[in-house]
Amino acid sequence: MVGAMKRIAVFAKRPVPGRVKSRLSPALPAALACDLYRGMLQDALAAAAGAGAEQRWLYWAEADGPGVGLDAWGGFRETAQRGGTLGERLAGAFAELIPAAGDRAVVIGADCPPLDGGVAGAAFAALAEADLVLGPTVDGGYYLVGLARPAPALFRGIDWSTPQVLEQTLERAARAGLAARRLGPLDDIDTPADLVRFIARAALDPDPARAAGTRRALEGMALLPG
């Protein structure tokens, strides 16, 4: 459709020690977990910048607090998430990101360093033929959700932060008559086991540009060779 817009948003928390990546304790102290999260957020911003969207947004979970330098990526509009549950916040964001018929929007989190601009761009390609696209994580959630039109009922009654998130979302999509597509599964980093798995794979990855922000954070902690 002529004039249709592609918009991508990053959902993130303010990088405050003790408030981000708390499940990595006691493997990582709060300050180091915050450093890691800051690197992961940089990777999410890089993925959004490389997705080919005309507009890029950064939705903070908190209205005020420390931010992150955006000069390297440019063009991000910063705003606050609105709503109580994650479902309410996602529904509100998509209502804002898809103001007109034909527009498409993708929302990603900051927990999945393997997500890059190519994957995020593939989500927009999928939305050319589908109403909904989901990027599943191996723990039953998703690292990406995209819509070709607002669908607030999609996010109601989801048991967030459980292994049922993906399947419950797909069930609601089917009931709403939304054609859904899945991207390839990726690992996120929430627990010490997730972190160990990421480090093991990153140590064997010959491309230092992949998940560069997360890698730099881990190198600074001497958890990954530089």
C-alpha atoms as a PDB file:
ATOM      1  CA  MET A   1       0.000   0.000   0.000  1.00  0.00           C
ATOM      2  CA  VAL A   2       1.314   3.446  -0.969  1.00  0.00           C
ATOM      3  CA  GLY A   3       2.399   5.407   2.080  1.00  0.00           C
ATOM      4  CA  ALA A   4       2.323   2.423   4.433  1.00  0.00           C
ATOM      5  CA  MET A   5       4.880   2.640   7.221  1.00  0.00           C
ATOM      6  CA  LYS A   6       7.056   0.058   8.924  1.00  0.00           C
ATOM      7  CA  ARG A   7       7.755   0.833  12.577  1.00  0.00           C
ATOM      8  CA  ILE A   8       9.900  -1.080  15.037  1.00  0.00           C
ATOM      9  CA  ALA A   9      10.037  -0.654  18.800  1.00  0.00           C
ATOM     10  CA  VAL A  10      12.376  -1.894  21.510  1.00  0.00           C
ATOM     11  CA  PHE A  11      10.775  -2.646  24.878  1.00  0.00           C
ATOM     12  CA  ALA A  12      13.378  -2.081  27.587  1.00  0.00           C
ATOM     13  CA  LYS A  13      13.929  -1.399  31.266  1.00  0.00           C
ATOM     14  CA  ARG A  14      16.062   1.442  32.561  1.00  0.00           C
ATOM     15  CA  PRO A  15      19.586   0.072  33.237  1.00  0.00           C
ATOM     16  CA  VAL A  16      19.557   0.275  37.049  1.00  0.00           C
ATOM     17  CA  PRO A  17      21.517  -2.272  39.151  1.00  0.00           C
ATOM     18  CA  GLY A  18      19.151  -4.588  40.983  1.00  0.00           C
ATOM     19  CA  ARG A  19      16.249  -3.899  38.620  1.00  0.00           C
ATOM     20  CA  VAL A  20      17.514  -5.649  35.499  1.00  0.00           C
ATOM     21  CA  LYS A  21      18.592  -9.266  34.992  1.00  0.00           C
ATOM     22  CA  SER A  22      18.011 -10.063  38.676  1.00  0.00           C
ATOM     23  CA  ARG A  23      17.587 -13.762  37.843  1.00  0.00           C
ATOM     24  CA  LEU A  24      21.300 -13.906  37.004  1.00  0.00           C
ATOM     25  CA  SER A  25      22.061 -13.537  40.721  1.00  0.00           C
ATOM     26  CA  PRO A  26      24.105 -14.902  42.416  1.00  0.00           C
ATOM     27  CA  ALA A  27      26.151 -15.814  39.329  1.00  0.00           C
ATOM     28  CA  LEU A  28      26.481 -12.108  38.534  1.00  0.00           C
ATOM     29  CA  PRO A  29      26.325  -9.308  41.125  1.00  0.00           C
ATOM     30  CA  ALA A  30      23.730  -6.631  40.431  1.00  0.00           C
ATOM     31  CA  ALA A  31      26.242  -4.137  39.030  1.00  0.00           C
ATOM     32  CA  LEU A  32      27.669  -6.648  36.549  1.00  0.00           C
ATOM     33  CA  ALA A  33      24.201  -7.866  35.581  1.00  0.00           C
ATOM     34  CA  CYS A  34      23.343  -4.245  34.797  1.00  0.00           C
ATOM     35  CA  ASP A  35      26.482  -3.895  32.665  1.00  0.00           C
ATOM     36  CA  LEU A  36      25.460  -7.025  30.784  1.00  0.00           C
ATOM     37  CA  TYR A  37      21.933  -5.726  30.274  1.00  0.00           C
ATOM     38  CA  ARG A  38      23.269  -2.440  28.933  1.00  0.00           C
ATOM     39  CA  GLY A  39      25.256  -4.399  26.335  1.00  0.00           C
ATOM     40  CA  MET A  40      22.204  -6.493  25.453  1.00  0.00           C
ATOM     41  CA  LEU A  41      20.147  -3.339  25.029  1.00  0.00           C
ATOM     42  CA  GLN A  42      22.773  -1.973  22.656  1.00  0.00           C
ATOM     43  CA  ASP A  43      22.405  -5.134  20.579  1.00  0.00           C
ATOM     44  CA  ALA A  44      18.619  -4.754  20.528  1.00  0.00           C
ATOM     45  CA  LEU A  45      18.937  -1.153  19.350  1.00  0.00           C
ATOM     46  CA  ALA A  46      21.369  -2.252  16.635  1.00  0.00           C
ATOM     47  CA  ALA A  47      18.901  -4.929  15.509  1.00  0.00           C
ATOM     48  CA  ALA A  48      16.098  -2.382  15.338  1.00  0.00           C
ATOM     49  CA  ALA A  49      18.283   0.055  13.410  1.00  0.00           C
ATOM     50  CA  GLY A  50      19.106  -2.654  10.870  1.00  0.00           C
ATOM     51  CA  ALA A  51      15.549  -3.862  10.274  1.00  0.00           C
ATOM     52  CA  GLY A  52      14.691  -1.464   7.464  1.00  0.00           C
ATOM     53  CA  ALA A  53      11.872   0.296   9.319  1.00  0.00           C
ATOM     54  CA  GLU A  54      11.007   3.906   8.567  1.00  0.00           C
ATOM     55  CA  GLN A  55      10.479   4.723  12.255  1.00  0.00           C
ATOM     56  CA  ARG A  56      12.205   3.379  15.365  1.00  0.00           C
ATOM     57  CA  TRP A  57      10.923   3.661  18.927  1.00  0.00           C
ATOM     58  CA  LEU A  58      12.350   2.919  22.360  1.00  0.00           C
ATOM     59  CA  TYR A  59       9.644   2.152  24.927  1.00  0.00           C
ATOM     60  CA  TRP A  60      10.930   2.379  28.487  1.00  0.00           C
ATOM     61  CA  ALA A  61       9.217   0.375  31.241  1.00  0.00           C
ATOM     62  CA  GLU A  62       9.857   3.293  33.602  1.00  0.00           C
ATOM     63  CA  ALA A  63       9.059   6.916  32.845  1.00  0.00           C
ATOM     64  CA  ASP A  64      12.249   8.263  34.430  1.00  0.00           C
ATOM     65  CA  GLY A  65      15.753   6.999  35.101  1.00  0.00           C
ATOM     66  CA  PRO A  66      19.072   6.413  33.365  1.00  0.00           C
ATOM     67  CA  GLY A  67      18.956   6.005  29.630  1.00  0.00           C
ATOM     68  CA  VAL A  68      21.408   4.764  27.063  1.00  0.00           C
ATOM     69  CA  GLY A  69      23.353   6.647  24.400  1.00  0.00           C
ATOM     70  CA  LEU A  70      21.459   6.566  21.117  1.00  0.00           C
ATOM     71  CA  ASP A  71      23.950   8.446  18.951  1.00  0.00           C
ATOM     72  CA  ALA A  72      25.328   5.268  17.381  1.00  0.00           C
ATOM     73  CA  TRP A  73      21.914   4.338  15.988  1.00  0.00           C
ATOM     74  CA  GLY A  74      20.076   7.644  15.732  1.00  0.00           C
ATOM     75  CA  GLY A  75      16.462   8.319  14.964  1.00  0.00           C
ATOM     76  CA  PHE A  76      14.873   6.599  17.977  1.00  0.00           C
ATOM     77  CA  ARG A  77      11.826   8.161  19.557  1.00  0.00           C
ATOM     78  CA  GLU A  78      11.782   7.575  23.312  1.00  0.00           C
ATOM     79  CA  THR A  79       8.555   7.132  25.240  1.00  0.00           C
ATOM     80  CA  ALA A  80       7.174   5.255  28.243  1.00  0.00           C
ATOM     81  CA  GLN A  81       5.239   2.005  28.184  1.00  0.00           C
ATOM     82  CA  ARG A  82       1.665   2.409  29.359  1.00  0.00           C
ATOM     83  CA  GLY A  83      -0.452  -0.170  31.144  1.00  0.00           C
ATOM     84  CA  GLY A  84      -0.216  -2.576  34.053  1.00  0.00           C
ATOM     85  CA  THR A  85       0.509  -5.985  32.541  1.00  0.00           C
ATOM     86  CA  LEU A  86       2.910  -6.681  29.707  1.00  0.00           C
ATOM     87  CA  GLY A  87      -0.118  -7.509  27.576  1.00  0.00           C
ATOM     88  CA  GLU A  88      -1.642  -4.088  28.212  1.00  0.00           C
ATOM     89  CA  ARG A  89       1.643  -2.396  27.412  1.00  0.00           C
ATOM     90  CA  LEU A  90       2.050  -4.329  24.157  1.00  0.00           C
ATOM     91  CA  ALA A  91      -1.524  -3.621  23.097  1.00  0.00           C
ATOM     92  CA  GLY A  92      -1.032   0.077  23.804  1.00  0.00           C
ATOM     93  CA  ALA A  93       2.217   0.198  21.868  1.00  0.00           C
ATOM     94  CA  PHE A  94       0.753  -1.498  18.797  1.00  0.00           C
ATOM     95  CA  ALA A  95      -2.211   0.887  18.825  1.00  0.00           C
ATOM     96  CA  GLU A  96       0.310   3.715  18.627  1.00  0.00           C
ATOM     97  CA  LEU A  97       2.633   2.021  16.142  1.00  0.00           C
ATOM     98  CA  ILE A  98      -0.113   1.079  13.655  1.00  0.00           C
ATOM     99  CA  PRO A  99      -2.206   4.238  13.239  1.00  0.00           C
ATOM    100  CA  ALA A 100      -3.278   3.539   9.652  1.00  0.00           C
ATOM    101  CA  ALA A 101      -4.339   0.606   7.490  1.00  0.00           C
ATOM    102  CA  GLY A 102      -1.386  -0.991   5.748  1.00  0.00           C
ATOM    103  CA  ASP A 103       1.118  -0.033   8.424  1.00  0.00           C
ATOM    104  CA  ARG A 104       3.165  -2.821  10.016  1.00  0.00           C
ATOM    105  CA  ALA A 105       4.898  -2.858  13.376  1.00  0.00           C
ATOM    106  CA  VAL A 106       7.382  -5.087  15.180  1.00  0.00           C
ATOM    107  CA  VAL A 107       8.258  -5.047  18.884  1.00  0.00           C
ATOM    108  CA  ILE A 108      11.403  -6.670  20.256  1.00  0.00           C
ATOM    109  CA  GLY A 109      12.837  -6.969  23.740  1.00  0.00           C
ATOM    110  CA  ALA A 110      16.385  -6.562  25.009  1.00  0.00           C
ATOM    111  CA  ASP A 111      16.912 -10.120  26.232  1.00  0.00           C
ATOM    112  CA  CYS A 112      17.984 -11.873  23.028  1.00  0.00           C
ATOM    113  CA  PRO A 113      21.482 -10.956  21.771  1.00  0.00           C
ATOM    114  CA  PRO A 114      21.316 -13.347  18.756  1.00  0.00           C
ATOM    115  CA  LEU A 115      18.500 -11.230  17.313  1.00  0.00           C
ATOM    116  CA  ASP A 116      19.909  -8.999  14.581  1.00  0.00           C
ATOM    117  CA  GLY A 117      18.668  -6.676  11.887  1.00  0.00           C
ATOM    118  CA  GLY A 118      18.294  -9.493   9.393  1.00  0.00           C
ATOM    119  CA  VAL A 119      15.925 -11.400  11.664  1.00  0.00           C
ATOM    120  CA  ALA A 120      13.951  -8.267  12.497  1.00  0.00           C
ATOM    121  CA  GLY A 121      13.754  -7.402   8.811  1.00  0.00           C
ATOM    122  CA  ALA A 122      12.455 -10.892   8.055  1.00  0.00           C
ATOM    123  CA  ALA A 123       9.576 -10.196  10.424  1.00  0.00           C
ATOM    124  CA  PHE A 124       8.441  -7.296   8.247  1.00  0.00           C
ATOM    125  CA  ALA A 125       8.685  -9.512   5.172  1.00  0.00           C
ATOM    126  CA  ALA A 126       6.486 -12.100   6.898  1.00  0.00           C
ATOM    127  CA  LEU A 127       3.912  -9.415   7.707  1.00  0.00           C
ATOM    128  CA  ALA A 128       3.447  -8.785   3.995  1.00  0.00           C
ATOM    129  CA  GLU A 129       1.459 -12.041   3.953  1.00  0.00           C
ATOM    130  CA  ALA A 130       0.516 -12.646   7.594  1.00  0.00           C
ATOM    131  CA  ASP A 131      -1.326 -10.727  10.297  1.00  0.00           C
ATOM    132  CA  LEU A 132       1.002 -11.836  13.085  1.00  0.00           C
ATOM    133  CA  VAL A 133       4.632 -12.885  13.275  1.00  0.00           C
ATOM    134  CA  LEU A 134       6.303 -14.337  16.365  1.00  0.00           C
ATOM    135  CA  GLY A 135       9.958 -15.054  17.063  1.00  0.00           C
ATOM    136  CA  PRO A 136       9.950 -17.895  19.611  1.00  0.00           C
ATOM    137  CA  THR A 137      12.505 -18.385  22.349  1.00  0.00           C
ATOM    138  CA  VAL A 138      13.491 -21.859  23.444  1.00  0.00           C
ATOM    139  CA  ASP A 139      11.865 -21.335  26.861  1.00  0.00           C
ATOM    140  CA  GLY A 140       8.348 -20.948  25.459  1.00  0.00           C
ATOM    141  CA  GLY A 141       8.190 -17.174  25.124  1.00  0.00           C
ATOM    142  CA  TYR A 142       9.069 -14.934  22.208  1.00  0.00           C
ATOM    143  CA  TYR A 143      11.779 -12.414  21.434  1.00  0.00           C
ATOM    144  CA  LEU A 144       9.746 -10.617  18.752  1.00  0.00           C
ATOM    145  CA  VAL A 145       6.118  -9.963  17.964  1.00  0.00           C
ATOM    146  CA  GLY A 146       4.853  -8.185  14.887  1.00  0.00           C
ATOM    147  CA  LEU A 147       1.396  -7.216  13.680  1.00  0.00           C
ATOM    148  CA  ALA A 148      -0.107  -5.949  10.449  1.00  0.00           C
ATOM    149  CA  ARG A 149      -3.043  -4.470  12.376  1.00  0.00           C
ATOM    150  CA  PRO A 150      -3.796  -3.788  16.047  1.00  0.00           C
ATOM    151  CA  ALA A 151      -5.165  -6.825  17.890  1.00  0.00           C
ATOM    152  CA  PRO A 152      -5.567  -5.932  21.590  1.00  0.00           C
ATOM    153  CA  ALA A 153      -7.370  -9.192  22.439  1.00  0.00           C
ATOM    154  CA  LEU A 154      -4.253 -11.100  21.382  1.00  0.00           C
ATOM    155  CA  PHE A 155      -2.444 -10.167  24.584  1.00  0.00           C
ATOM    156  CA  ARG A 156      -5.264 -10.596  27.115  1.00  0.00           C
ATOM    157  CA  GLY A 157      -5.106 -13.352  29.718  1.00  0.00           C
ATOM    158  CA  ILE A 158      -1.576 -14.485  28.850  1.00  0.00           C
ATOM    159  CA  ASP A 159       0.411 -16.114  31.654  1.00  0.00           C
ATOM    160  CA  TRP A 160       3.466 -13.921  31.133  1.00  0.00           C
ATOM    161  CA  SER A 161       6.916 -15.201  32.150  1.00  0.00           C
ATOM    162  CA  THR A 162       5.818 -18.830  31.824  1.00  0.00           C
ATOM    163  CA  PRO A 163       6.584 -21.510  29.196  1.00  0.00           C
ATOM    164  CA  GLN A 164       2.992 -21.159  27.922  1.00  0.00           C
ATOM    165  CA  VAL A 165       3.333 -17.630  26.524  1.00  0.00           C
ATOM    166  CA  LEU A 166       3.933 -18.585  22.878  1.00  0.00           C
ATOM    167  CA  GLU A 167       1.238 -21.243  22.675  1.00  0.00           C
ATOM    168  CA  GLN A 168      -1.337 -19.096  24.474  1.00  0.00           C
ATOM    169  CA  THR A 169      -0.648 -16.243  22.068  1.00  0.00           C
ATOM    170  CA  LEU A 170      -1.032 -18.543  19.064  1.00  0.00           C
ATOM    171  CA  GLU A 171      -4.308 -19.894  20.480  1.00  0.00           C
ATOM    172  CA  ARG A 172      -5.688 -16.378  20.805  1.00  0.00           C
ATOM    173  CA  ALA A 173      -4.501 -15.552  17.296  1.00  0.00           C
ATOM    174  CA  ALA A 174      -6.375 -18.545  15.910  1.00  0.00           C
ATOM    175  CA  ARG A 175      -9.556 -17.544  17.743  1.00  0.00           C
ATOM    176  CA  ALA A 176      -9.237 -14.012  16.357  1.00  0.00           C
ATOM    177  CA  GLY A 177      -8.713 -15.279  12.813  1.00  0.00           C
ATOM    178  CA  LEU A 178      -5.170 -13.919  12.577  1.00  0.00           C
ATOM    179  CA  ALA A 179      -2.854 -15.630  10.104  1.00  0.00           C
ATOM    180  CA  ALA A 180       0.366 -16.284  12.040  1.00  0.00           C
ATOM    181  CA  ARG A 181       3.951 -16.981  11.006  1.00  0.00           C
ATOM    182  CA  ARG A 182       6.894 -18.053  13.141  1.00  0.00           C
ATOM    183  CA  LEU A 183      10.517 -17.064  12.741  1.00  0.00           C
ATOM    184  CA  GLY A 184      13.338 -19.369  13.790  1.00  0.00           C
ATOM    185  CA  PRO A 185      13.823 -19.944  17.526  1.00  0.00           C
ATOM    186  CA  LEU A 186      16.562 -18.047  19.362  1.00  0.00           C
ATOM    187  CA  ASP A 187      18.014 -18.167  22.873  1.00  0.00           C
ATOM    188  CA  ASP A 188      17.502 -15.311  25.283  1.00  0.00           C
ATOM    189  CA  ILE A 189      19.521 -14.632  28.438  1.00  0.00           C
ATOM    190  CA  ASP A 190      17.506 -14.739  31.654  1.00  0.00           C
ATOM    191  CA  THR A 191      19.215 -17.301  33.886  1.00  0.00           C
ATOM    192  CA  PRO A 192      22.796 -18.335  34.706  1.00  0.00           C
ATOM    193  CA  ALA A 193      22.331 -21.413  32.497  1.00  0.00           C
ATOM    194  CA  ASP A 194      21.309 -19.172  29.595  1.00  0.00           C
ATOM    195  CA  LEU A 195      24.410 -17.055  30.149  1.00  0.00           C
ATOM    196  CA  VAL A 196      26.728 -20.067  30.201  1.00  0.00           C
ATOM    197  CA  ARG A 197      25.187 -21.305  26.948  1.00  0.00           C
ATOM    198  CA  PHE A 198      25.612 -17.920  25.276  1.00  0.00           C
ATOM    199  CA  ILE A 199      29.252 -17.630  26.376  1.00  0.00           C
ATOM    200  CA  ALA A 200      30.035 -21.112  25.057  1.00  0.00           C
ATOM    201  CA  ARG A 201      28.556 -20.303  21.655  1.00  0.00           C
ATOM    202  CA  ALA A 202      30.070 -16.821  21.469  1.00  0.00           C
ATOM    203  CA  ALA A 203      33.535 -18.215  22.196  1.00  0.00           C
ATOM    204  CA  LEU A 204      33.229 -20.364  19.056  1.00  0.00           C
ATOM    205  CA  ASP A 205      31.689 -17.652  16.869  1.00  0.00           C
ATOM    206  CA  PRO A 206      34.254 -16.234  14.419  1.00  0.00           C
ATOM    207  CA  ASP A 207      32.240 -13.036  13.881  1.00  0.00           C
ATOM    208  CA  PRO A 208      32.990 -10.505  16.665  1.00  0.00           C
ATOM    209  CA  ALA A 209      30.324  -8.172  15.295  1.00  0.00           C
ATOM    210  CA  ARG A 210      27.556 -10.593  16.207  1.00  0.00           C
ATOM    211  CA  ALA A 211      25.930  -9.528  19.504  1.00  0.00           C
ATOM    212  CA  ALA A 212      28.784  -7.036  19.829  1.00  0.00           C
ATOM    213  CA  GLY A 213      27.382  -5.139  22.804  1.00  0.00           C
ATOM    214  CA  THR A 214      26.846  -8.281  24.851  1.00  0.00           C
ATOM    215  CA  ARG A 215      30.255  -9.592  23.882  1.00  0.00           C
ATOM    216  CA  ARG A 216      31.963  -6.374  24.956  1.00  0.00           C
ATOM    217  CA  ALA A 217      30.224  -6.499  28.321  1.00  0.00           C
ATOM    218  CA  LEU A 218      31.314 -10.090  28.902  1.00  0.00           C
ATOM    219  CA  GLU A 219      34.862  -9.345  27.764  1.00  0.00           C
ATOM    220  CA  GLY A 220      34.974  -6.516  30.293  1.00  0.00           C
ATOM    221  CA  MET A 221      34.097  -9.039  33.000  1.00  0.00           C
ATOM    222  CA  ALA A 222      36.731 -11.489  31.702  1.00  0.00           C
ATOM    223  CA  LEU A 223      33.939 -14.005  31.034  1.00  0.00           C
ATOM    224  CA  LEU A 224      34.681 -14.071  27.309  1.00  0.00           C
ATOM    225  CA  PRO A 225      38.088 -13.797  25.651  1.00  0.00           C
ATOM    226  CA  GLY A 226      38.607 -10.548  23.762  1.00  0.00           C
END
